[in-house]
Amino acid sequence: PIFMTFRNPDYVKYAEACGAKGFRVDKIEDFDGVFTQAIKMNQPVLIDVPVDGDVYAPYRMEHI
């Protein structure tokens, strides 16, 4: 198969285990507020934004 499915770790916990702050954004309308908060923290921050695994970037097969 060309595309594979992976089970991702809890990136918020991973960030915290590394000494950073972690956020998870499940709704796009929440991203701006989390991003603004992250910038103001002036420290390492990880923002986990899960995406639908069934949505693929458009591509053309002209060169294949």
PDB file of N, CA and C in Angstrom:
ATOM      1  N   PRO A   1       0.822  -1.205   0.000  1.00  0.00           N
ATOM      2  CA  PRO A   1       0.000   0.000   0.000  1.00  0.00           C
ATOM      3  C   PRO A   1       0.860   1.260   0.000  1.00  0.00           C
ATOM      4  N   ILE A   2       0.369   2.259  -0.681  1.00  0.00           N
ATOM      5  CA  ILE A   2       1.098   3.522  -0.771  1.00  0.00           C
ATOM      6  C   ILE A   2       0.956   4.320   0.514  1.00  0.00           C
ATOM      7  N   PHE A   3      -0.255   4.376   1.048  1.00  0.00           N
ATOM      8  CA  PHE A   3      -0.511   5.158   2.249  1.00  0.00           C
ATOM      9  C   PHE A   3      -0.626   4.214   3.440  1.00  0.00           C
ATOM     10  N   MET A   4      -0.126   4.675   4.578  1.00  0.00           N
ATOM     11  CA  MET A   4      -0.161   3.836   5.777  1.00  0.00           C
ATOM     12  C   MET A   4      -0.835   4.602   6.897  1.00  0.00           C
ATOM     13  N   THR A   5      -1.363   3.887   7.853  1.00  0.00           N
ATOM     14  CA  THR A   5      -2.000   4.484   9.013  1.00  0.00           C
ATOM     15  C   THR A   5      -1.121   4.248  10.235  1.00  0.00           C
ATOM     16  N   PHE A   6      -0.847   5.298  10.976  1.00  0.00           N
ATOM     17  CA  PHE A   6      -0.039   5.206  12.183  1.00  0.00           C
ATOM     18  C   PHE A   6      -0.854   5.651  13.385  1.00  0.00           C
ATOM     19  N   ARG A   7      -0.602   5.045  14.497  1.00  0.00           N
ATOM     20  CA  ARG A   7      -1.179   5.513  15.761  1.00  0.00           C
ATOM     21  C   ARG A   7      -0.182   6.488  16.358  1.00  0.00           C
ATOM     22  N   ASN A   8      -0.591   7.721  16.505  1.00  0.00           N
ATOM     23  CA  ASN A   8       0.313   8.741  17.011  1.00  0.00           C
ATOM     24  C   ASN A   8       0.347   8.756  18.532  1.00  0.00           C
ATOM     25  N   PRO A   9       1.501   9.143  19.085  1.00  0.00           N
ATOM     26  CA  PRO A   9       1.594   9.265  20.542  1.00  0.00           C
ATOM     27  C   PRO A   9       0.839  10.501  21.028  1.00  0.00           C
ATOM     28  N   ASP A  10       0.726  10.638  22.326  1.00  0.00           N
ATOM     29  CA  ASP A  10       0.145  11.841  22.929  1.00  0.00           C
ATOM     30  C   ASP A  10       1.232  12.915  22.898  1.00  0.00           C
ATOM     31  N   TYR A  11       1.182  13.781  21.907  1.00  0.00           N
ATOM     32  CA  TYR A  11       2.228  14.779  21.725  1.00  0.00           C
ATOM     33  C   TYR A  11       2.268  15.821  22.836  1.00  0.00           C
ATOM     34  N   VAL A  12       1.136  16.082  23.470  1.00  0.00           N
ATOM     35  CA  VAL A  12       1.129  17.024  24.599  1.00  0.00           C
ATOM     36  C   VAL A  12       1.968  16.448  25.740  1.00  0.00           C
ATOM     37  N   LYS A  13       1.765  15.192  26.067  1.00  0.00           N
ATOM     38  CA  LYS A  13       2.568  14.553  27.126  1.00  0.00           C
ATOM     39  C   LYS A  13       4.030  14.450  26.717  1.00  0.00           C
ATOM     40  N   TYR A  14       4.266  14.177  25.434  1.00  0.00           N
ATOM     41  CA  TYR A  14       5.639  14.100  24.940  1.00  0.00           C
ATOM     42  C   TYR A  14       6.346  15.445  25.114  1.00  0.00           C
ATOM     43  N   ALA A  15       5.665  16.522  24.744  1.00  0.00           N
ATOM     44  CA  ALA A  15       6.249  17.855  24.901  1.00  0.00           C
ATOM     45  C   ALA A  15       6.574  18.135  26.367  1.00  0.00           C
ATOM     46  N   GLU A  16       5.635  17.814  27.237  1.00  0.00           N
ATOM     47  CA  GLU A  16       5.842  18.055  28.666  1.00  0.00           C
ATOM     48  C   GLU A  16       6.978  17.201  29.217  1.00  0.00           C
ATOM     49  N   ALA A  17       7.126  15.963  28.719  1.00  0.00           N
ATOM     50  CA  ALA A  17       8.224  15.104  29.160  1.00  0.00           C
ATOM     51  C   ALA A  17       9.578  15.671  28.739  1.00  0.00           C
ATOM     52  N   CYS A  18       9.574  16.477  27.684  1.00  0.00           N
ATOM     53  CA  CYS A  18      10.804  17.101  27.184  1.00  0.00           C
ATOM     54  C   CYS A  18      11.025  18.499  27.750  1.00  0.00           C
ATOM     55  N   GLY A  19      10.142  18.932  28.664  1.00  0.00           N
ATOM     56  CA  GLY A  19      10.297  20.242  29.280  1.00  0.00           C
ATOM     57  C   GLY A  19       9.637  21.381  28.529  1.00  0.00           C
ATOM     58  N   ALA A  20       8.817  21.066  27.549  1.00  0.00           N
ATOM     59  CA  ALA A  20       8.114  22.093  26.783  1.00  0.00           C
ATOM     60  C   ALA A  20       6.646  22.118  27.197  1.00  0.00           C
ATOM     61  N   LYS A  21       5.922  23.067  26.693  1.00  0.00           N
ATOM     62  CA  LYS A  21       4.470  23.133  26.903  1.00  0.00           C
ATOM     63  C   LYS A  21       3.807  22.526  25.679  1.00  0.00           C
ATOM     64  N   GLY A  22       2.768  21.735  25.890  1.00  0.00           N
ATOM     65  CA  GLY A  22       2.061  21.119  24.785  1.00  0.00           C
ATOM     66  C   GLY A  22       0.603  21.516  24.755  1.00  0.00           C
ATOM     67  N   PHE A  23       0.102  21.737  23.568  1.00  0.00           N
ATOM     68  CA  PHE A  23      -1.316  22.029  23.346  1.00  0.00           C
ATOM     69  C   PHE A  23      -1.834  21.090  22.269  1.00  0.00           C
ATOM     70  N   ARG A  24      -3.107  20.782  22.330  1.00  0.00           N
ATOM     71  CA  ARG A  24      -3.769  20.034  21.263  1.00  0.00           C
ATOM     72  C   ARG A  24      -4.941  20.876  20.766  1.00  0.00           C
ATOM     73  N   VAL A  25      -5.037  21.031  19.475  1.00  0.00           N
ATOM     74  CA  VAL A  25      -6.109  21.812  18.860  1.00  0.00           C
ATOM     75  C   VAL A  25      -6.949  20.854  18.016  1.00  0.00           C
ATOM     76  N   ASP A  26      -8.182  20.623  18.439  1.00  0.00           N
ATOM     77  CA  ASP A  26      -9.074  19.714  17.711  1.00  0.00           C
ATOM     78  C   ASP A  26      -9.997  20.441  16.745  1.00  0.00           C
ATOM     79  N   LYS A  27     -10.209  21.750  16.963  1.00  0.00           N
ATOM     80  CA  LYS A  27     -11.074  22.532  16.078  1.00  0.00           C
ATOM     81  C   LYS A  27     -10.273  23.706  15.538  1.00  0.00           C
ATOM     82  N   ILE A  28     -10.329  23.900  14.230  1.00  0.00           N
ATOM     83  CA  ILE A  28      -9.527  24.943  13.587  1.00  0.00           C
ATOM     84  C   ILE A  28      -9.823  26.327  14.161  1.00  0.00           C
ATOM     85  N   GLU A  29     -11.044  26.543  14.603  1.00  0.00           N
ATOM     86  CA  GLU A  29     -11.377  27.867  15.153  1.00  0.00           C
ATOM     87  C   GLU A  29     -10.663  28.138  16.486  1.00  0.00           C
ATOM     88  N   ASP A  30     -10.101  27.115  17.114  1.00  0.00           N
ATOM     89  CA  ASP A  30      -9.350  27.297  18.361  1.00  0.00           C
ATOM     90  C   ASP A  30      -7.865  27.564  18.125  1.00  0.00           C
ATOM     91  N   PHE A  31      -7.412  27.384  16.886  1.00  0.00           N
ATOM     92  CA  PHE A  31      -5.970  27.474  16.630  1.00  0.00           C
ATOM     93  C   PHE A  31      -5.404  28.866  16.903  1.00  0.00           C
ATOM     94  N   ASP A  32      -6.060  29.911  16.445  1.00  0.00           N
ATOM     95  CA  ASP A  32      -5.522  31.271  16.621  1.00  0.00           C
ATOM     96  C   ASP A  32      -5.249  31.594  18.086  1.00  0.00           C
ATOM     97  N   GLY A  33      -6.186  31.258  18.957  1.00  0.00           N
ATOM     98  CA  GLY A  33      -6.003  31.543  20.378  1.00  0.00           C
ATOM     99  C   GLY A  33      -4.847  30.761  20.979  1.00  0.00           C
ATOM    100  N   VAL A  34      -4.733  29.483  20.623  1.00  0.00           N
ATOM    101  CA  VAL A  34      -3.632  28.658  21.133  1.00  0.00           C
ATOM    102  C   VAL A  34      -2.300  29.162  20.588  1.00  0.00           C
ATOM    103  N   PHE A  35      -2.266  29.510  19.301  1.00  0.00           N
ATOM    104  CA  PHE A  35      -1.031  30.004  18.697  1.00  0.00           C
ATOM    105  C   PHE A  35      -0.587  31.303  19.358  1.00  0.00           C
ATOM    106  N   THR A  36      -1.520  32.212  19.576  1.00  0.00           N
ATOM    107  CA  THR A  36      -1.205  33.480  20.240  1.00  0.00           C
ATOM    108  C   THR A  36      -0.666  33.236  21.644  1.00  0.00           C
ATOM    109  N   GLN A  37      -1.307  32.333  22.377  1.00  0.00           N
ATOM    110  CA  GLN A  37      -0.848  31.994  23.730  1.00  0.00           C
ATOM    111  C   GLN A  37       0.550  31.388  23.687  1.00  0.00           C
ATOM    112  N   ALA A  38       0.804  30.509  22.721  1.00  0.00           N
ATOM    113  CA  ALA A  38       2.110  29.867  22.598  1.00  0.00           C
ATOM    114  C   ALA A  38       3.211  30.887  22.329  1.00  0.00           C
ATOM    115  N   ILE A  39       2.956  31.839  21.446  1.00  0.00           N
ATOM    116  CA  ILE A  39       3.954  32.873  21.125  1.00  0.00           C
ATOM    117  C   ILE A  39       4.280  33.702  22.363  1.00  0.00           C
ATOM    118  N   LYS A  40       3.267  34.046  23.143  1.00  0.00           N
ATOM    119  CA  LYS A  40       3.466  34.878  24.333  1.00  0.00           C
ATOM    120  C   LYS A  40       4.247  34.147  25.424  1.00  0.00           C
ATOM    121  N   MET A  41       4.260  32.821  25.394  1.00  0.00           N
ATOM    122  CA  MET A  41       4.942  32.052  26.434  1.00  0.00           C
ATOM    123  C   MET A  41       6.452  32.180  26.343  1.00  0.00           C
ATOM    124  N   ASN A  42       6.973  32.489  25.156  1.00  0.00           N
ATOM    125  CA  ASN A  42       8.413  32.676  24.968  1.00  0.00           C
ATOM    126  C   ASN A  42       9.220  31.498  25.522  1.00  0.00           C
ATOM    127  N   GLN A  43       8.780  30.303  25.200  1.00  0.00           N
ATOM    128  CA  GLN A  43       9.458  29.073  25.597  1.00  0.00           C
ATOM    129  C   GLN A  43       9.115  28.007  24.551  1.00  0.00           C
ATOM    130  N   PRO A  44       9.789  26.866  24.574  1.00  0.00           N
ATOM    131  CA  PRO A  44       9.445  25.816  23.612  1.00  0.00           C
ATOM    132  C   PRO A  44       7.995  25.352  23.787  1.00  0.00           C
ATOM    133  N   VAL A  45       7.283  25.290  22.673  1.00  0.00           N
ATOM    134  CA  VAL A  45       5.874  24.886  22.672  1.00  0.00           C
ATOM    135  C   VAL A  45       5.634  23.961  21.488  1.00  0.00           C
ATOM    136  N   LEU A  46       4.856  22.929  21.708  1.00  0.00           N
ATOM    137  CA  LEU A  46       4.433  22.036  20.640  1.00  0.00           C
ATOM    138  C   LEU A  46       2.923  22.126  20.520  1.00  0.00           C
ATOM    139  N   ILE A  47       2.425  22.346  19.317  1.00  0.00           N
ATOM    140  CA  ILE A  47       0.984  22.396  19.082  1.00  0.00           C
ATOM    141  C   ILE A  47       0.625  21.204  18.204  1.00  0.00           C
ATOM    142  N   ASP A  48      -0.131  20.293  18.766  1.00  0.00           N
ATOM    143  CA  ASP A  48      -0.585  19.099  18.057  1.00  0.00           C
ATOM    144  C   ASP A  48      -1.903  19.423  17.363  1.00  0.00           C
ATOM    145  N   VAL A  49      -1.912  19.315  16.038  1.00  0.00           N
ATOM    146  CA  VAL A  49      -3.112  19.581  15.255  1.00  0.00           C
ATOM    147  C   VAL A  49      -3.394  18.330  14.419  1.00  0.00           C
ATOM    148  N   PRO A  50      -4.246  17.441  14.927  1.00  0.00           N
ATOM    149  CA  PRO A  50      -4.541  16.226  14.161  1.00  0.00           C
ATOM    150  C   PRO A  50      -5.267  16.554  12.862  1.00  0.00           C
ATOM    151  N   VAL A  51      -4.944  15.809  11.837  1.00  0.00           N
ATOM    152  CA  VAL A  51      -5.594  15.985  10.539  1.00  0.00           C
ATOM    153  C   VAL A  51      -6.252  14.672  10.127  1.00  0.00           C
ATOM    154  N   ASP A  52      -7.234  14.770   9.277  1.00  0.00           N
ATOM    155  CA  ASP A  52      -7.947  13.601   8.784  1.00  0.00           C
ATOM    156  C   ASP A  52      -7.005  12.779   7.903  1.00  0.00           C
ATOM    157  N   GLY A  53      -6.800  11.530   8.258  1.00  0.00           N
ATOM    158  CA  GLY A  53      -5.901  10.666   7.518  1.00  0.00           C
ATOM    159  C   GLY A  53      -6.401  10.292   6.142  1.00  0.00           C
ATOM    160  N   ASP A  54      -7.655  10.577   5.851  1.00  0.00           N
ATOM    161  CA  ASP A  54      -8.207  10.252   4.537  1.00  0.00           C
ATOM    162  C   ASP A  54      -8.186  11.437   3.578  1.00  0.00           C
ATOM    163  N   VAL A  55      -7.570  12.527   3.982  1.00  0.00           N
ATOM    164  CA  VAL A  55      -7.471  13.711   3.124  1.00  0.00           C
ATOM    165  C   VAL A  55      -6.037  13.773   2.606  1.00  0.00           C
ATOM    166  N   TYR A  56      -5.895  13.789   1.299  1.00  0.00           N
ATOM    167  CA  TYR A  56      -4.576  13.774   0.695  1.00  0.00           C
ATOM    168  C   TYR A  56      -4.334  15.073  -0.068  1.00  0.00           C
ATOM    169  N   ALA A  57      -3.085  15.482  -0.092  1.00  0.00           N
ATOM    170  CA  ALA A  57      -2.721  16.661  -0.866  1.00  0.00           C
ATOM    171  C   ALA A  57      -2.922  16.362  -2.348  1.00  0.00           C
ATOM    172  N   PRO A  58      -3.353  17.347  -3.098  1.00  0.00           N
ATOM    173  CA  PRO A  58      -3.529  17.109  -4.539  1.00  0.00           C
ATOM    174  C   PRO A  58      -2.172  16.895  -5.214  1.00  0.00           C
ATOM    175  N   TYR A  59      -2.151  16.011  -6.163  1.00  0.00           N
ATOM    176  CA  TYR A  59      -0.925  15.776  -6.924  1.00  0.00           C
ATOM    177  C   TYR A  59      -1.305  15.336  -8.337  1.00  0.00           C
ATOM    178  N   ARG A  60      -0.335  15.490  -9.227  1.00  0.00           N
ATOM    179  CA  ARG A  60      -0.563  15.068 -10.611  1.00  0.00           C
ATOM    180  C   ARG A  60       0.403  13.938 -10.944  1.00  0.00           C
ATOM    181  N   MET A  61      -0.034  13.036 -11.757  1.00  0.00           N
ATOM    182  CA  MET A  61       0.801  11.894 -12.107  1.00  0.00           C
ATOM    183  C   MET A  61       1.403  12.051 -13.514  1.00  0.00           C
ATOM    184  N   GLU A  62       1.630  13.278 -13.945  1.00  0.00           N
ATOM    185  CA  GLU A  62       2.156  13.533 -15.282  1.00  0.00           C
ATOM    186  C   GLU A  62       3.560  12.974 -15.466  1.00  0.00           C
ATOM    187  N   HIS A  63       4.352  12.962 -14.405  1.00  0.00           N
ATOM    188  CA  HIS A  63       5.764  12.573 -14.516  1.00  0.00           C
ATOM    189  C   HIS A  63       5.987  11.110 -14.169  1.00  0.00           C
ATOM    190  N   ILE A  64       4.937  10.382 -13.927  1.00  0.00           N
ATOM    191  CA  ILE A  64       5.088   8.960 -13.551  1.00  0.00           C
ATOM    192  C   ILE A  64       4.956   8.087 -14.775  1.00  0.00           C
TER     193      ILE A  64
END
